[in-house]
Amino acid sequence: MNDVLVSVENLSAGYGKPVAEDVDFAVRGGEVLVLIGPNGGGKSTLLRTLAGELKKLGGKVLLCGIDTDRLSPKERAKRLSVLLTARPRTDRMTCREVVETGRYPYTGRFGVLSRDDKNAVKRALELAGVSELSDCDFSRISDGQRQRVMLARAVCQEPEVMILDEPTSYLDIHHKLIFLDSLQTLAKEKSVAVILSMHELDLAEKIADRAVCIKDGHVFRSGTPDEIFKEEVLRELFDLPDELYKKYFVKGKSL
């Protein structure tokens, strides 16, 4: 069994005051953990805190067994890649150049890519299915294409842990499935621990090894897909009346 790569202990996260509190979970290498729950429940705040963009208000986050407070930004970037909702300022960069920035934790002070770095970029572009966009201006491609390029950038870091916030939001169903299949392949073949939030419950159920339900800033429930994606849990998690659940959650189909 793979080692635990992320351990969250009694985490409190927020902006001056807690938005999420008393959060505990652990993720092993090769495992995909999906956060689900209502908007405003604290999922994005938790992910930003795990990524180091927000200072935690309490508790511990261990990354590969090391307290994140003890990691420098460069050490964190070598272990952890992040795909959040914000887009980088690219200043007419090509898609390949955007992906190449994922190698900067490994380059010298001048950011010159070695042959190994360039090979990692090539592999990441192929895995994300965006090789044909390599020479395109990042600012001139579609939102869905940008999302796939940003996945390639995250993959290019060759991380042990990946954190993604609503990564399929801008994708059509074809590219949602390609994206999630690539993510699952990466987790299994490279033993990467993946933590992501999703609204598409039908897809979340298929990709997750485990799911954590976040409601009102607390862990409402956690478990395997069989334990989480069932009527009594989803109805209570999203405060769904009986008639709406029966209308929109039928025979395994969900919102």
C-alpha atoms as a PDB file:
ATOM      1  CA  MET A   1       0.000   0.000   0.000  1.00  0.00           C
ATOM      2  CA  ASN A   2       1.277   3.468  -0.903  1.00  0.00           C
ATOM      3  CA  ASP A   3       2.352   5.900   1.785  1.00  0.00           C
ATOM      4  CA  VAL A   4       0.192   8.760   3.013  1.00  0.00           C
ATOM      5  CA  LEU A   5       1.319  11.847   1.075  1.00  0.00           C
ATOM      6  CA  VAL A   6      -1.124  14.401   2.506  1.00  0.00           C
ATOM      7  CA  SER A   7      -2.344  14.456   6.087  1.00  0.00           C
ATOM      8  CA  VAL A   8      -4.749  17.154   7.262  1.00  0.00           C
ATOM      9  CA  GLU A   9      -5.212  17.345  11.018  1.00  0.00           C
ATOM     10  CA  ASN A  10      -7.797  19.541  12.742  1.00  0.00           C
ATOM     11  CA  LEU A  11      -7.339  22.173  10.018  1.00  0.00           C
ATOM     12  CA  SER A  12      -8.944  25.589  10.383  1.00  0.00           C
ATOM     13  CA  ALA A  13      -8.944  27.758   7.244  1.00  0.00           C
ATOM     14  CA  GLY A  14     -10.342  31.129   6.310  1.00  0.00           C
ATOM     15  CA  TYR A  15      -9.789  34.833   5.775  1.00  0.00           C
ATOM     16  CA  GLY A  16      -9.079  36.195   9.248  1.00  0.00           C
ATOM     17  CA  LYS A  17     -11.893  34.118  10.693  1.00  0.00           C
ATOM     18  CA  PRO A  18     -12.590  30.450   9.969  1.00  0.00           C
ATOM     19  CA  VAL A  19     -14.555  29.433   6.891  1.00  0.00           C
ATOM     20  CA  ALA A  20     -13.751  25.755   7.501  1.00  0.00           C
ATOM     21  CA  GLU A  21     -12.867  24.132  10.827  1.00  0.00           C
ATOM     22  CA  ASP A  22     -11.868  20.803  12.368  1.00  0.00           C
ATOM     23  CA  VAL A  23     -11.086  19.228   8.990  1.00  0.00           C
ATOM     24  CA  ASP A  24      -9.283  15.879   9.013  1.00  0.00           C
ATOM     25  CA  PHE A  25      -8.400  13.554   6.141  1.00  0.00           C
ATOM     26  CA  ALA A  26      -5.435  11.747   4.602  1.00  0.00           C
ATOM     27  CA  VAL A  27      -4.581  10.857   1.013  1.00  0.00           C
ATOM     28  CA  ARG A  28      -2.216   8.123  -0.146  1.00  0.00           C
ATOM     29  CA  GLY A  29      -0.143   8.019  -3.304  1.00  0.00           C
ATOM     30  CA  GLY A  30      -2.226   6.784  -6.248  1.00  0.00           C
ATOM     31  CA  GLU A  31      -5.470   7.875  -4.576  1.00  0.00           C
ATOM     32  CA  VAL A  32      -8.009  10.403  -5.886  1.00  0.00           C
ATOM     33  CA  LEU A  33      -9.893  12.272  -3.153  1.00  0.00           C
ATOM     34  CA  VAL A  34     -12.863  14.384  -4.272  1.00  0.00           C
ATOM     35  CA  LEU A  35     -14.374  17.206  -2.206  1.00  0.00           C
ATOM     36  CA  ILE A  36     -18.080  17.737  -2.817  1.00  0.00           C
ATOM     37  CA  GLY A  37     -20.676  19.965  -1.209  1.00  0.00           C
ATOM     38  CA  PRO A  38     -22.744  23.142  -1.595  1.00  0.00           C
ATOM     39  CA  ASN A  39     -21.262  26.391  -2.890  1.00  0.00           C
ATOM     40  CA  GLY A  40     -19.834  28.507  -0.095  1.00  0.00           C
ATOM     41  CA  GLY A  41     -19.227  25.489   2.114  1.00  0.00           C
ATOM     42  CA  GLY A  42     -15.459  25.978   2.293  1.00  0.00           C
ATOM     43  CA  LYS A  43     -14.063  23.649  -0.397  1.00  0.00           C
ATOM     44  CA  SER A  44     -12.074  26.284  -2.297  1.00  0.00           C
ATOM     45  CA  THR A  45     -10.810  27.851   0.936  1.00  0.00           C
ATOM     46  CA  LEU A  46      -9.529  24.469   2.068  1.00  0.00           C
ATOM     47  CA  LEU A  47      -7.790  23.829  -1.247  1.00  0.00           C
ATOM     48  CA  ARG A  48      -6.154  27.274  -1.255  1.00  0.00           C
ATOM     49  CA  THR A  49      -4.909  26.606   2.265  1.00  0.00           C
ATOM     50  CA  LEU A  50      -3.515  23.192   1.320  1.00  0.00           C
ATOM     51  CA  ALA A  51      -1.813  24.838  -1.669  1.00  0.00           C
ATOM     52  CA  GLY A  52      -0.166  27.422   0.580  1.00  0.00           C
ATOM     53  CA  GLU A  53      -1.996  30.393  -0.940  1.00  0.00           C
ATOM     54  CA  LEU A  54      -3.781  31.017   2.362  1.00  0.00           C
ATOM     55  CA  LYS A  55      -2.142  30.851   5.757  1.00  0.00           C
ATOM     56  CA  LYS A  56      -3.887  28.244   7.865  1.00  0.00           C
ATOM     57  CA  LEU A  57      -5.627  29.480  11.000  1.00  0.00           C
ATOM     58  CA  GLY A  58      -5.018  26.320  12.993  1.00  0.00           C
ATOM     59  CA  GLY A  59      -4.189  22.647  12.809  1.00  0.00           C
ATOM     60  CA  LYS A  60      -1.586  20.855  10.688  1.00  0.00           C
ATOM     61  CA  VAL A  61      -0.993  20.019   7.054  1.00  0.00           C
ATOM     62  CA  LEU A  62       1.674  17.394   6.425  1.00  0.00           C
ATOM     63  CA  LEU A  63       3.024  17.049   2.898  1.00  0.00           C
ATOM     64  CA  CYS A  64       4.970  13.820   2.375  1.00  0.00           C
ATOM     65  CA  GLY A  65       5.315  13.631   6.163  1.00  0.00           C
ATOM     66  CA  ILE A  66       6.679  17.176   6.526  1.00  0.00           C
ATOM     67  CA  ASP A  67       4.773  20.029   8.166  1.00  0.00           C
ATOM     68  CA  THR A  68       4.146  22.553   5.373  1.00  0.00           C
ATOM     69  CA  ASP A  69       5.271  25.352   7.724  1.00  0.00           C
ATOM     70  CA  ARG A  70       8.782  23.939   7.399  1.00  0.00           C
ATOM     71  CA  LEU A  71       8.837  23.842   3.589  1.00  0.00           C
ATOM     72  CA  SER A  72      10.258  26.665   1.483  1.00  0.00           C
ATOM     73  CA  PRO A  73       8.198  27.741  -1.572  1.00  0.00           C
ATOM     74  CA  LYS A  74      10.656  25.932  -3.860  1.00  0.00           C
ATOM     75  CA  GLU A  75      10.522  22.719  -1.808  1.00  0.00           C
ATOM     76  CA  ARG A  76       6.727  22.886  -1.784  1.00  0.00           C
ATOM     77  CA  ALA A  77       6.635  23.400  -5.577  1.00  0.00           C
ATOM     78  CA  LYS A  78       8.744  20.280  -6.137  1.00  0.00           C
ATOM     79  CA  ARG A  79       6.263  18.141  -4.194  1.00  0.00           C
ATOM     80  CA  LEU A  80       2.972  19.864  -4.931  1.00  0.00           C
ATOM     81  CA  SER A  81       1.344  21.225  -8.086  1.00  0.00           C
ATOM     82  CA  VAL A  82      -1.801  23.317  -8.055  1.00  0.00           C
ATOM     83  CA  LEU A  83      -4.575  24.021 -10.554  1.00  0.00           C
ATOM     84  CA  LEU A  84      -6.898  26.626  -9.069  1.00  0.00           C
ATOM     85  CA  THR A  85      -9.418  28.931 -10.735  1.00  0.00           C
ATOM     86  CA  ALA A  86      -7.035  31.894 -11.223  1.00  0.00           C
ATOM     87  CA  ARG A  87      -5.236  32.175 -14.576  1.00  0.00           C
ATOM     88  CA  PRO A  88      -1.599  33.257 -14.897  1.00  0.00           C
ATOM     89  CA  ARG A  89      -0.591  36.498 -16.593  1.00  0.00           C
ATOM     90  CA  THR A  90       1.028  35.200 -19.756  1.00  0.00           C
ATOM     91  CA  ASP A  91       2.146  38.329 -21.687  1.00  0.00           C
ATOM     92  CA  ARG A  92       1.846  36.695 -25.120  1.00  0.00           C
ATOM     93  CA  MET A  93       3.354  33.413 -24.008  1.00  0.00           C
ATOM     94  CA  THR A  94       2.803  30.315 -26.124  1.00  0.00           C
ATOM     95  CA  CYS A  95       1.129  27.314 -24.553  1.00  0.00           C
ATOM     96  CA  ARG A  96       4.470  25.501 -24.467  1.00  0.00           C
ATOM     97  CA  GLU A  97       6.051  28.407 -22.591  1.00  0.00           C
ATOM     98  CA  VAL A  98       3.201  28.339 -20.044  1.00  0.00           C
ATOM     99  CA  VAL A  99       3.758  24.621 -19.503  1.00  0.00           C
ATOM    100  CA  GLU A 100       7.511  25.159 -19.209  1.00  0.00           C
ATOM    101  CA  THR A 101       6.968  27.344 -16.129  1.00  0.00           C
ATOM    102  CA  GLY A 102       6.101  24.114 -14.326  1.00  0.00           C
ATOM    103  CA  ARG A 103       9.780  23.176 -14.534  1.00  0.00           C
ATOM    104  CA  TYR A 104      11.085  26.319 -12.818  1.00  0.00           C
ATOM    105  CA  PRO A 105      11.374  24.665  -9.362  1.00  0.00           C
ATOM    106  CA  TYR A 106      14.026  22.417 -10.938  1.00  0.00           C
ATOM    107  CA  THR A 107      15.973  24.911 -13.063  1.00  0.00           C
ATOM    108  CA  GLY A 108      18.816  27.196 -12.036  1.00  0.00           C
ATOM    109  CA  ARG A 109      18.370  30.871 -11.222  1.00  0.00           C
ATOM    110  CA  PHE A 110      18.113  31.809 -14.926  1.00  0.00           C
ATOM    111  CA  GLY A 111      15.331  29.324 -15.682  1.00  0.00           C
ATOM    112  CA  VAL A 112      17.190  27.544 -18.497  1.00  0.00           C
ATOM    113  CA  LEU A 113      15.564  24.207 -19.293  1.00  0.00           C
ATOM    114  CA  SER A 114      17.730  21.106 -19.616  1.00  0.00           C
ATOM    115  CA  ARG A 115      17.040  18.253 -22.022  1.00  0.00           C
ATOM    116  CA  ASP A 116      15.274  16.386 -19.197  1.00  0.00           C
ATOM    117  CA  ASP A 117      13.110  19.448 -18.515  1.00  0.00           C
ATOM    118  CA  LYS A 118      12.141  19.705 -22.188  1.00  0.00           C
ATOM    119  CA  ASN A 119      11.268  16.006 -22.268  1.00  0.00           C
ATOM    120  CA  ALA A 120       9.061  16.480 -19.192  1.00  0.00           C
ATOM    121  CA  VAL A 121       7.289  19.343 -20.987  1.00  0.00           C
ATOM    122  CA  LYS A 122       6.733  17.181 -24.065  1.00  0.00           C
ATOM    123  CA  ARG A 123       5.300  14.307 -21.985  1.00  0.00           C
ATOM    124  CA  ALA A 124       2.987  16.668 -20.084  1.00  0.00           C
ATOM    125  CA  LEU A 125       1.634  18.224 -23.296  1.00  0.00           C
ATOM    126  CA  GLU A 126       0.923  14.752 -24.661  1.00  0.00           C
ATOM    127  CA  LEU A 127      -0.761  13.501 -21.503  1.00  0.00           C
ATOM    128  CA  ALA A 128      -3.051  16.550 -21.371  1.00  0.00           C
ATOM    129  CA  GLY A 129      -3.825  16.200 -25.076  1.00  0.00           C
ATOM    130  CA  VAL A 130      -2.615  19.678 -26.033  1.00  0.00           C
ATOM    131  CA  SER A 131       0.525  19.000 -28.075  1.00  0.00           C
ATOM    132  CA  GLU A 132      -1.121  20.601 -31.123  1.00  0.00           C
ATOM    133  CA  LEU A 133      -1.505  23.858 -29.153  1.00  0.00           C
ATOM    134  CA  SER A 134       2.194  24.121 -28.269  1.00  0.00           C
ATOM    135  CA  ASP A 135       2.908  27.168 -30.446  1.00  0.00           C
ATOM    136  CA  CYS A 136      -0.462  28.897 -29.947  1.00  0.00           C
ATOM    137  CA  ASP A 137      -0.815  32.107 -27.951  1.00  0.00           C
ATOM    138  CA  PHE A 138      -2.210  31.034 -24.566  1.00  0.00           C
ATOM    139  CA  SER A 139      -4.414  34.139 -24.403  1.00  0.00           C
ATOM    140  CA  ARG A 140      -6.083  33.313 -27.727  1.00  0.00           C
ATOM    141  CA  ILE A 141      -7.285  29.770 -27.086  1.00  0.00           C
ATOM    142  CA  SER A 142     -10.601  28.730 -25.551  1.00  0.00           C
ATOM    143  CA  ASP A 143     -11.278  28.419 -21.818  1.00  0.00           C
ATOM    144  CA  GLY A 144     -11.430  24.648 -22.133  1.00  0.00           C
ATOM    145  CA  GLN A 145      -8.116  24.532 -23.971  1.00  0.00           C
ATOM    146  CA  ARG A 146      -6.522  26.790 -21.349  1.00  0.00           C
ATOM    147  CA  GLN A 147      -7.676  24.419 -18.633  1.00  0.00           C
ATOM    148  CA  ARG A 148      -5.986  21.496 -20.375  1.00  0.00           C
ATOM    149  CA  VAL A 149      -2.784  23.512 -20.841  1.00  0.00           C
ATOM    150  CA  MET A 150      -2.830  24.335 -17.135  1.00  0.00           C
ATOM    151  CA  LEU A 151      -3.190  20.624 -16.379  1.00  0.00           C
ATOM    152  CA  ALA A 152      -0.098  20.031 -18.517  1.00  0.00           C
ATOM    153  CA  ARG A 153       1.722  22.721 -16.515  1.00  0.00           C
ATOM    154  CA  ALA A 154       0.753  20.996 -13.244  1.00  0.00           C
ATOM    155  CA  VAL A 155       1.789  17.582 -14.584  1.00  0.00           C
ATOM    156  CA  CYS A 156       5.080  19.047 -15.803  1.00  0.00           C
ATOM    157  CA  GLN A 157       6.139  19.705 -12.219  1.00  0.00           C
ATOM    158  CA  GLU A 158       6.214  15.924 -11.717  1.00  0.00           C
ATOM    159  CA  PRO A 159       4.613  16.363  -8.300  1.00  0.00           C
ATOM    160  CA  GLU A 160       3.833  13.849  -5.612  1.00  0.00           C
ATOM    161  CA  VAL A 161       0.587  15.691  -4.838  1.00  0.00           C
ATOM    162  CA  MET A 162      -1.862  17.569  -7.089  1.00  0.00           C
ATOM    163  CA  ILE A 163      -4.571  19.973  -5.912  1.00  0.00           C
ATOM    164  CA  LEU A 164      -7.304  21.062  -8.330  1.00  0.00           C
ATOM    165  CA  ASP A 165     -10.292  23.338  -7.767  1.00  0.00           C
ATOM    166  CA  GLU A 166     -13.235  22.649 -10.104  1.00  0.00           C
ATOM    167  CA  PRO A 167     -10.863  21.630 -12.929  1.00  0.00           C
ATOM    168  CA  THR A 168     -13.610  20.559 -15.359  1.00  0.00           C
ATOM    169  CA  SER A 169     -15.758  23.697 -15.099  1.00  0.00           C
ATOM    170  CA  TYR A 170     -14.844  25.076 -18.538  1.00  0.00           C
ATOM    171  CA  LEU A 171     -14.783  21.787 -20.418  1.00  0.00           C
ATOM    172  CA  ASP A 172     -17.404  20.187 -22.639  1.00  0.00           C
ATOM    173  CA  ILE A 173     -18.344  16.598 -21.841  1.00  0.00           C
ATOM    174  CA  HIS A 174     -15.821  15.148 -24.321  1.00  0.00           C
ATOM    175  CA  HIS A 175     -12.922  17.044 -22.779  1.00  0.00           C
ATOM    176  CA  LYS A 176     -14.195  16.525 -19.226  1.00  0.00           C
ATOM    177  CA  LEU A 177     -13.848  12.780 -19.746  1.00  0.00           C
ATOM    178  CA  ILE A 178     -10.418  13.082 -21.388  1.00  0.00           C
ATOM    179  CA  PHE A 179      -9.240  15.367 -18.575  1.00  0.00           C
ATOM    180  CA  LEU A 180     -10.461  13.101 -15.784  1.00  0.00           C
ATOM    181  CA  ASP A 181      -9.126   9.971 -17.475  1.00  0.00           C
ATOM    182  CA  SER A 182      -5.712  11.650 -17.785  1.00  0.00           C
ATOM    183  CA  LEU A 183      -5.841  12.647 -14.128  1.00  0.00           C
ATOM    184  CA  GLN A 184      -6.770   9.150 -13.010  1.00  0.00           C
ATOM    185  CA  THR A 185      -4.020   7.641 -15.169  1.00  0.00           C
ATOM    186  CA  LEU A 186      -1.485  10.031 -13.664  1.00  0.00           C
ATOM    187  CA  ALA A 187      -2.556   9.137 -10.133  1.00  0.00           C
ATOM    188  CA  LYS A 188      -2.348   5.396 -10.683  1.00  0.00           C
ATOM    189  CA  GLU A 189       0.756   5.173 -12.878  1.00  0.00           C
ATOM    190  CA  LYS A 190       2.845   7.780 -11.035  1.00  0.00           C
ATOM    191  CA  SER A 191       1.429   7.172  -7.517  1.00  0.00           C
ATOM    192  CA  VAL A 192       0.392  10.820  -7.275  1.00  0.00           C
ATOM    193  CA  ALA A 193      -2.052  11.834  -4.537  1.00  0.00           C
ATOM    194  CA  VAL A 194      -4.837  13.896  -6.147  1.00  0.00           C
ATOM    195  CA  ILE A 195      -7.217  16.190  -4.255  1.00  0.00           C
ATOM    196  CA  LEU A 196      -9.895  17.997  -6.242  1.00  0.00           C
ATOM    197  CA  SER A 197     -13.274  19.630  -5.837  1.00  0.00           C
ATOM    198  CA  MET A 198     -16.117  18.921  -8.259  1.00  0.00           C
ATOM    199  CA  HIS A 199     -19.745  19.838  -8.824  1.00  0.00           C
ATOM    200  CA  GLU A 200     -20.497  17.109 -11.394  1.00  0.00           C
ATOM    201  CA  LEU A 201     -21.543  14.381  -8.977  1.00  0.00           C
ATOM    202  CA  ASP A 202     -21.903  11.657 -11.595  1.00  0.00           C
ATOM    203  CA  LEU A 203     -18.306  12.204 -12.743  1.00  0.00           C
ATOM    204  CA  ALA A 204     -17.037  12.652  -9.183  1.00  0.00           C
ATOM    205  CA  GLU A 205     -18.478   9.267  -8.266  1.00  0.00           C
ATOM    206  CA  LYS A 206     -16.622   7.613 -11.148  1.00  0.00           C
ATOM    207  CA  ILE A 207     -13.196   9.170 -10.565  1.00  0.00           C
ATOM    208  CA  ALA A 208     -13.080   9.155  -6.748  1.00  0.00           C
ATOM    209  CA  ASP A 209     -11.372   6.538  -4.628  1.00  0.00           C
ATOM    210  CA  ARG A 210     -12.775   8.423  -1.632  1.00  0.00           C
ATOM    211  CA  ALA A 211     -14.990  11.463  -1.199  1.00  0.00           C
ATOM    212  CA  VAL A 212     -15.200  14.079   1.544  1.00  0.00           C
ATOM    213  CA  CYS A 213     -18.442  16.044   1.923  1.00  0.00           C
ATOM    214  CA  ILE A 214     -17.934  19.648   3.043  1.00  0.00           C
ATOM    215  CA  LYS A 215     -20.956  21.481   4.410  1.00  0.00           C
ATOM    216  CA  ASP A 216     -21.054  24.713   6.420  1.00  0.00           C
ATOM    217  CA  GLY A 217     -17.291  24.586   6.847  1.00  0.00           C
ATOM    218  CA  HIS A 218     -17.121  21.111   8.364  1.00  0.00           C
ATOM    219  CA  VAL A 219     -16.629  17.548   7.183  1.00  0.00           C
ATOM    220  CA  PHE A 220     -20.205  16.330   6.940  1.00  0.00           C
ATOM    221  CA  ARG A 221     -19.324  12.806   5.806  1.00  0.00           C
ATOM    222  CA  SER A 222     -16.412  10.946   4.204  1.00  0.00           C
ATOM    223  CA  GLY A 223     -16.011   7.513   2.711  1.00  0.00           C
ATOM    224  CA  THR A 224     -15.910   5.445  -0.469  1.00  0.00           C
ATOM    225  CA  PRO A 225     -18.100   6.356  -3.461  1.00  0.00           C
ATOM    226  CA  ASP A 226     -20.521   3.580  -2.491  1.00  0.00           C
ATOM    227  CA  GLU A 227     -20.900   5.147   0.950  1.00  0.00           C
ATOM    228  CA  ILE A 228     -21.223   8.761  -0.193  1.00  0.00           C
ATOM    229  CA  PHE A 229     -23.060   8.860  -3.522  1.00  0.00           C
ATOM    230  CA  LYS A 230     -26.386   7.569  -2.310  1.00  0.00           C
ATOM    231  CA  GLU A 231     -29.759   9.171  -1.749  1.00  0.00           C
ATOM    232  CA  GLU A 232     -29.774   9.797   1.993  1.00  0.00           C
ATOM    233  CA  VAL A 233     -26.299  11.383   1.991  1.00  0.00           C
ATOM    234  CA  LEU A 234     -26.776  13.604  -1.071  1.00  0.00           C
ATOM    235  CA  ARG A 235     -30.223  14.784  -0.028  1.00  0.00           C
ATOM    236  CA  GLU A 236     -28.948  15.910   3.356  1.00  0.00           C
ATOM    237  CA  LEU A 237     -25.687  17.329   2.018  1.00  0.00           C
ATOM    238  CA  PHE A 238     -27.423  19.569  -0.528  1.00  0.00           C
ATOM    239  CA  ASP A 239     -30.702  20.056   1.399  1.00  0.00           C
ATOM    240  CA  LEU A 240     -32.675  18.523  -1.454  1.00  0.00           C
ATOM    241  CA  PRO A 241     -36.435  18.022  -1.006  1.00  0.00           C
ATOM    242  CA  ASP A 242     -37.811  14.650  -2.003  1.00  0.00           C
ATOM    243  CA  GLU A 243     -39.465  15.857  -5.232  1.00  0.00           C
ATOM    244  CA  LEU A 244     -36.269  17.469  -6.565  1.00  0.00           C
ATOM    245  CA  TYR A 245     -34.137  14.439  -5.771  1.00  0.00           C
ATOM    246  CA  LYS A 246     -36.564  12.125  -7.557  1.00  0.00           C
ATOM    247  CA  LYS A 247     -36.794  14.469 -10.548  1.00  0.00           C
ATOM    248  CA  TYR A 248     -33.077  14.996 -11.142  1.00  0.00           C
ATOM    249  CA  PHE A 249     -31.328  12.004  -9.529  1.00  0.00           C
ATOM    250  CA  VAL A 250     -32.748   9.016 -11.375  1.00  0.00           C
ATOM    251  CA  LYS A 251     -31.033   5.729 -12.238  1.00  0.00           C
ATOM    252  CA  GLY A 252     -27.575   6.963 -11.357  1.00  0.00           C
ATOM    253  CA  LYS A 253     -27.920  10.277 -13.208  1.00  0.00           C
ATOM    254  CA  SER A 254     -27.116  13.392 -11.240  1.00  0.00           C
ATOM    255  CA  LEU A 255     -26.797  17.136 -11.623  1.00  0.00           C
END
